[in-house]
Amino acid sequence: MVLIKSEEEIELIRESSLLVGKTLAEVAKLIKPGVTTNKLDKVAEEFIRDHDAIPGFKGYHGFPGTLCTSVNEVVVHGIPSDYVLKDGDIVSIDCGVKKNGYFGDSAFTFPVGEVKKEILMLMKRTLESLYKAIDVAIGGNRIGDIGFAIQEYVEGFGYSVVRDLVGHGLGKNLHEKPEVPNYGKRGYGKELRAGMVLAIEPMINLGVKDVYQKSDGWTIKTKDHLPSAHYEHNVVVRKDKADVLSTFDFIEEVTNFSILNITI
């Protein structure tokens, strides 16, 4: 069953979502060659707990970290470790928090040092596809419209859309219905209704769409080992224009850098 949220619930989700944005900004301050993903995870957990919230991912179905730290060809669910970030890496940081009984869940892919232009463009176009999806997350449209907006845009650049992982509803639970695929057909799927809260999260690969799971039971990697980018926002479906609950503004403030400003 898809849950329609009250305005009071939406504001609580907004509070959690904004805290995720602030947490990602704290992590962003540290991202550079020589830093371990364990270090990023430790800082994130401390920051979340210092703000009267709890990490949304830690312990979720046994996941060991506060963050998912997915480097280069890791699509999602990378486990924080002693891996040392290197110049030219990209790292997707997915973070969730639970505060006042409601979840926030957002992700951002960061460059580490000097990154190849073709990979920066993958990041930019993945983020652009997220905003194209948000543009159609309005009442009366369909889930398929969201997926179509992402798929049509990124496939136009020769990228591929991961099929095995999807966005989702969000609220008192980290993952609620409906599922929100990043591919689809216009006019198909569940109808979007005002008050739905969705986590829209394109996962886009430079190469093939195929992925596999490592033996740790979590880490998802591209089959051809080419890089993947991942961005995620929490949005409320409204009648005329989606209301974005999460933000990347805090990240841009601390890094003084916007992925969207990259030019060929």
Protein backbone atom coordinates (compact mmCIF):
# COMPACT_ATOMS: atom_id res chain seq x y z
CA MET A 1 0.00 0.00 0.00
CA VAL A 2 1.29 3.45 -0.95
CA LEU A 3 1.08 5.88 1.94
CA ILE A 4 -0.02 9.48 1.45
CA LYS A 5 1.77 11.66 3.98
CA SER A 6 0.20 14.46 6.00
CA GLU A 7 1.82 17.90 5.96
CA GLU A 8 3.07 17.25 9.49
CA GLU A 9 4.73 14.03 8.37
CA ILE A 10 6.22 15.74 5.33
CA GLU A 11 7.88 18.36 7.52
CA LEU A 12 9.41 15.64 9.72
CA ILE A 13 10.76 13.89 6.63
CA ARG A 14 12.08 17.23 5.41
CA GLU A 15 13.95 17.69 8.70
CA SER A 16 15.56 14.26 8.35
CA SER A 17 16.34 14.85 4.68
CA LEU A 18 18.03 18.17 5.40
CA LEU A 19 20.12 16.52 8.10
CA VAL A 20 21.30 14.01 5.50
CA GLY A 21 22.33 16.94 3.30
CA LYS A 22 24.28 18.49 6.17
CA THR A 23 25.93 15.13 6.92
CA LEU A 24 27.00 14.73 3.30
CA ALA A 25 28.51 18.22 3.48
CA GLU A 26 30.53 17.25 6.56
CA VAL A 27 31.82 14.25 4.65
CA ALA A 28 32.52 16.41 1.60
CA LYS A 29 34.98 18.49 3.64
CA LEU A 30 37.17 15.40 4.03
CA ILE A 31 37.05 13.86 0.57
CA LYS A 32 40.52 13.95 -0.97
CA PRO A 33 43.28 11.52 -1.91
CA GLY A 34 44.66 9.71 1.14
CA VAL A 35 41.44 9.52 3.16
CA THR A 36 39.85 6.16 3.98
CA THR A 37 36.15 5.48 3.55
CA ASN A 38 36.13 4.32 7.20
CA LYS A 39 37.12 7.85 8.20
CA LEU A 40 34.18 9.29 6.25
CA ASP A 41 31.85 6.82 7.93
CA LYS A 42 33.06 7.67 11.44
CA VAL A 43 32.60 11.40 10.89
CA ALA A 44 29.11 10.87 9.48
CA GLU A 45 27.95 8.74 12.40
CA GLU A 46 29.23 11.22 14.97
CA PHE A 47 27.59 14.14 13.15
CA ILE A 48 24.22 12.37 12.91
CA ARG A 49 24.19 11.35 16.57
CA ASP A 50 25.28 14.85 17.63
CA HIS A 51 22.10 16.11 15.94
CA ASP A 52 19.76 13.87 17.96
CA ALA A 53 19.25 11.37 15.17
CA ILE A 54 20.41 7.84 14.43
CA PRO A 55 22.09 6.46 11.31
CA GLY A 56 19.39 5.03 9.07
CA PHE A 57 21.59 2.40 7.42
CA LYS A 58 23.66 1.05 10.30
CA GLY A 59 22.30 -2.37 11.22
CA TYR A 60 19.67 -2.25 8.46
CA HIS A 61 19.40 -5.92 7.46
CA GLY A 62 22.87 -6.21 9.00
CA PHE A 63 24.61 -3.45 7.03
CA PRO A 64 27.71 -2.50 9.07
CA GLY A 65 28.15 1.17 8.17
CA THR A 66 26.50 4.55 8.57
CA LEU A 67 27.31 5.35 4.93
CA CYS A 68 27.35 3.37 1.74
CA THR A 69 30.69 4.34 0.18
CA SER A 70 30.78 3.19 -3.44
CA VAL A 71 34.02 3.85 -5.32
CA ASN A 72 34.40 3.90 -9.12
CA GLU A 73 32.76 0.74 -10.52
CA VAL A 74 30.82 0.12 -7.30
CA VAL A 75 27.25 1.18 -8.08
CA VAL A 76 25.79 1.15 -4.56
CA HIS A 77 26.04 -0.44 -1.12
CA GLY A 78 29.81 -0.21 -0.81
CA ILE A 79 30.90 -1.01 2.76
CA PRO A 80 33.19 1.55 4.47
CA SER A 81 36.67 0.09 4.86
CA ASP A 82 40.37 0.85 5.00
CA TYR A 83 40.29 1.65 1.28
CA VAL A 84 42.29 4.83 0.68
CA LEU A 85 40.75 7.24 -1.83
CA LYS A 86 43.06 7.97 -4.76
CA ASP A 87 43.40 10.85 -7.18
CA GLY A 88 40.99 10.25 -10.06
CA ASP A 89 38.52 8.16 -8.05
CA ILE A 90 34.86 8.97 -7.74
CA VAL A 91 32.94 7.97 -4.62
CA SER A 92 29.17 7.79 -4.29
CA ILE A 93 28.09 8.46 -0.72
CA ASP A 94 24.59 7.29 0.22
CA CYS A 95 23.38 8.31 3.68
CA GLY A 96 20.22 7.79 5.68
CA VAL A 97 19.09 9.17 9.02
CA LYS A 98 16.11 8.56 11.28
CA LYS A 99 14.90 11.46 13.39
CA ASN A 100 11.58 11.87 15.17
CA GLY A 101 10.48 8.56 13.72
CA TYR A 102 10.99 9.47 10.06
CA PHE A 103 13.74 8.76 7.55
CA GLY A 104 15.76 10.90 5.17
CA ASP A 105 17.82 9.23 2.43
CA SER A 106 20.05 10.99 -0.09
CA ALA A 107 23.13 10.25 -2.19
CA PHE A 108 25.81 12.23 -4.00
CA THR A 109 28.76 11.21 -6.17
CA PHE A 110 31.97 13.12 -5.42
CA PRO A 111 35.13 13.52 -7.51
CA VAL A 112 38.42 12.80 -5.74
CA GLY A 113 41.20 15.05 -6.95
CA GLU A 114 41.56 15.30 -10.72
CA VAL A 115 38.94 13.12 -12.43
CA LYS A 116 38.80 12.31 -16.15
CA LYS A 117 36.43 14.54 -18.12
CA GLU A 118 34.35 11.63 -19.44
CA ILE A 119 33.65 10.52 -15.87
CA LEU A 120 32.81 14.05 -14.75
CA MET A 121 30.33 14.24 -17.62
CA LEU A 122 28.76 10.96 -16.49
CA MET A 123 28.30 12.50 -13.06
CA LYS A 124 26.83 15.71 -14.46
CA ARG A 125 24.37 13.94 -16.73
CA THR A 126 23.30 11.55 -14.00
CA LEU A 127 22.52 14.52 -11.77
CA GLU A 128 20.71 16.26 -14.64
CA SER A 129 18.61 13.13 -15.14
CA LEU A 130 17.57 13.29 -11.49
CA TYR A 131 16.20 16.79 -11.96
CA LYS A 132 14.41 15.76 -15.15
CA ALA A 133 12.74 12.99 -13.14
CA ILE A 134 11.75 15.43 -10.40
CA ASP A 135 10.13 17.68 -13.03
CA VAL A 136 7.60 14.95 -13.86
CA ALA A 137 6.94 13.80 -10.26
CA ILE A 138 3.56 15.52 -10.15
CA GLY A 139 0.06 14.35 -9.39
CA GLY A 140 -1.65 12.52 -12.25
CA ASN A 141 1.57 11.34 -13.86
CA ARG A 142 2.78 7.76 -13.54
CA ILE A 143 5.80 6.00 -12.08
CA GLY A 144 6.79 5.14 -15.63
CA ASP A 145 7.08 8.84 -16.46
CA ILE A 146 9.85 9.19 -13.86
CA GLY A 147 11.81 6.26 -15.22
CA PHE A 148 11.29 7.36 -18.81
CA ALA A 149 12.64 10.86 -18.08
CA ILE A 150 15.86 9.38 -16.66
CA GLN A 151 16.31 6.66 -19.24
CA GLU A 152 15.65 8.80 -22.30
CA TYR A 153 18.10 11.45 -21.15
CA VAL A 154 21.09 9.29 -20.17
CA GLU A 155 20.77 6.74 -22.95
CA GLY A 156 21.01 9.66 -25.37
CA PHE A 157 24.65 9.98 -24.25
CA GLY A 158 25.34 6.25 -24.59
CA TYR A 159 25.11 5.51 -20.87
CA SER A 160 23.10 2.66 -19.38
CA VAL A 161 20.52 2.48 -16.60
CA VAL A 162 20.91 -0.08 -13.83
CA ARG A 163 17.80 -2.28 -13.80
CA ASP A 164 18.42 -4.31 -10.65
CA LEU A 165 18.08 -1.41 -8.19
CA VAL A 166 15.35 1.19 -7.87
CA GLY A 167 14.15 4.20 -5.92
CA HIS A 168 11.37 3.88 -3.38
CA GLY A 169 8.83 5.46 -1.11
CA LEU A 170 10.05 6.98 2.16
CA GLY A 171 8.58 7.75 5.57
CA LYS A 172 8.46 5.86 8.84
CA ASN A 173 10.30 3.13 6.96
CA LEU A 174 13.46 3.53 4.94
CA HIS A 175 11.96 1.66 2.01
CA GLU A 176 8.24 1.93 1.32
CA LYS A 177 6.09 1.37 -1.73
CA PRO A 178 6.07 2.29 -4.53
CA GLU A 179 9.26 1.15 -6.19
CA VAL A 180 10.62 3.85 -8.51
CA PRO A 181 12.63 2.36 -11.39
CA ASN A 182 15.04 4.55 -13.34
CA TYR A 183 13.69 3.24 -16.65
CA GLY A 184 10.17 2.89 -17.95
CA LYS A 185 7.44 3.95 -20.35
CA ARG A 186 5.44 7.14 -20.32
CA GLY A 187 1.96 6.70 -18.97
CA TYR A 188 2.63 3.30 -17.37
CA GLY A 189 2.82 2.24 -13.75
CA LYS A 190 1.19 3.42 -10.57
CA GLU A 191 -0.43 6.84 -10.67
CA LEU A 192 1.36 9.53 -8.70
CA ARG A 193 -0.79 11.19 -6.06
CA ALA A 194 -0.17 14.39 -4.14
CA GLY A 195 1.38 13.61 -0.76
CA MET A 196 3.46 10.64 -1.89
CA VAL A 197 7.08 10.91 -0.70
CA LEU A 198 9.59 9.34 -3.07
CA ALA A 199 13.33 8.74 -3.03
CA ILE A 200 14.33 9.15 -6.68
CA GLU A 201 17.85 7.87 -7.30
CA PRO A 202 19.25 7.32 -10.79
CA MET A 203 22.17 4.87 -10.91
CA ILE A 204 23.83 5.31 -14.28
CA ASN A 205 26.76 3.38 -15.74
CA LEU A 206 29.40 4.58 -18.17
CA GLY A 207 29.35 1.13 -19.81
CA VAL A 208 26.89 -1.76 -19.73
CA LYS A 209 23.84 -1.89 -17.45
CA ASP A 210 24.72 -5.30 -16.02
CA VAL A 211 25.84 -5.53 -12.40
CA TYR A 212 26.78 -8.23 -9.90
CA GLN A 213 26.92 -8.55 -6.12
CA LYS A 214 30.16 -9.32 -4.31
CA SER A 215 30.42 -12.15 -1.81
CA ASP A 216 30.03 -9.70 1.09
CA GLY A 217 26.30 -9.72 0.30
CA TRP A 218 26.15 -5.95 -0.22
CA THR A 219 28.56 -4.41 -2.71
CA ILE A 220 27.06 -4.02 -6.20
CA LYS A 221 29.57 -3.52 -9.04
CA THR A 222 29.32 -2.96 -12.77
CA LYS A 223 29.96 -6.11 -14.75
CA ASP A 224 32.44 -4.38 -17.08
CA HIS A 225 34.14 -2.55 -14.15
CA LEU A 226 33.50 0.87 -15.70
CA PRO A 227 32.42 3.71 -13.38
CA SER A 228 28.89 4.35 -12.16
CA ALA A 229 27.31 7.54 -10.76
CA HIS A 230 24.45 7.85 -8.25
CA TYR A 231 22.43 10.82 -7.01
CA GLU A 232 19.32 10.76 -4.84
CA HIS A 233 16.75 13.29 -3.67
CA ASN A 234 13.65 12.93 -1.51
CA VAL A 235 10.61 14.60 -3.05
CA VAL A 236 6.93 15.10 -2.31
CA VAL A 237 4.55 14.68 -5.21
CA ARG A 238 2.44 17.83 -5.54
CA LYS A 239 -0.27 18.90 -7.96
CA ASP A 240 1.86 21.19 -10.15
CA LYS A 241 5.50 20.89 -9.05
CA ALA A 242 7.36 18.40 -6.85
CA ASP A 243 8.62 19.65 -3.49
CA VAL A 244 12.27 18.61 -2.99
CA LEU A 245 12.87 17.81 0.68
CA SER A 246 16.59 17.07 0.49
CA THR A 247 19.30 19.41 -0.75
CA PHE A 248 22.81 19.46 -2.18
CA ASP A 249 23.25 23.15 -1.33
CA PHE A 250 25.28 22.40 1.81
CA ILE A 251 27.68 20.28 -0.25
CA GLU A 252 28.18 23.04 -2.81
CA GLU A 253 28.76 25.59 -0.04
CA VAL A 254 31.63 23.62 1.52
CA THR A 255 33.21 22.46 -1.76
CA ASN A 256 32.65 25.68 -3.71
CA PHE A 257 31.94 23.41 -6.67
CA SER A 258 28.88 22.39 -8.66
CA ILE A 259 28.78 19.27 -10.81
CA LEU A 260 26.19 20.99 -13.01
CA ASN A 261 28.69 23.72 -13.97
CA ILE A 262 31.08 21.27 -15.66
CA THR A 263 31.45 21.97 -19.38
CA ILE A 264 32.84 19.84 -22.16
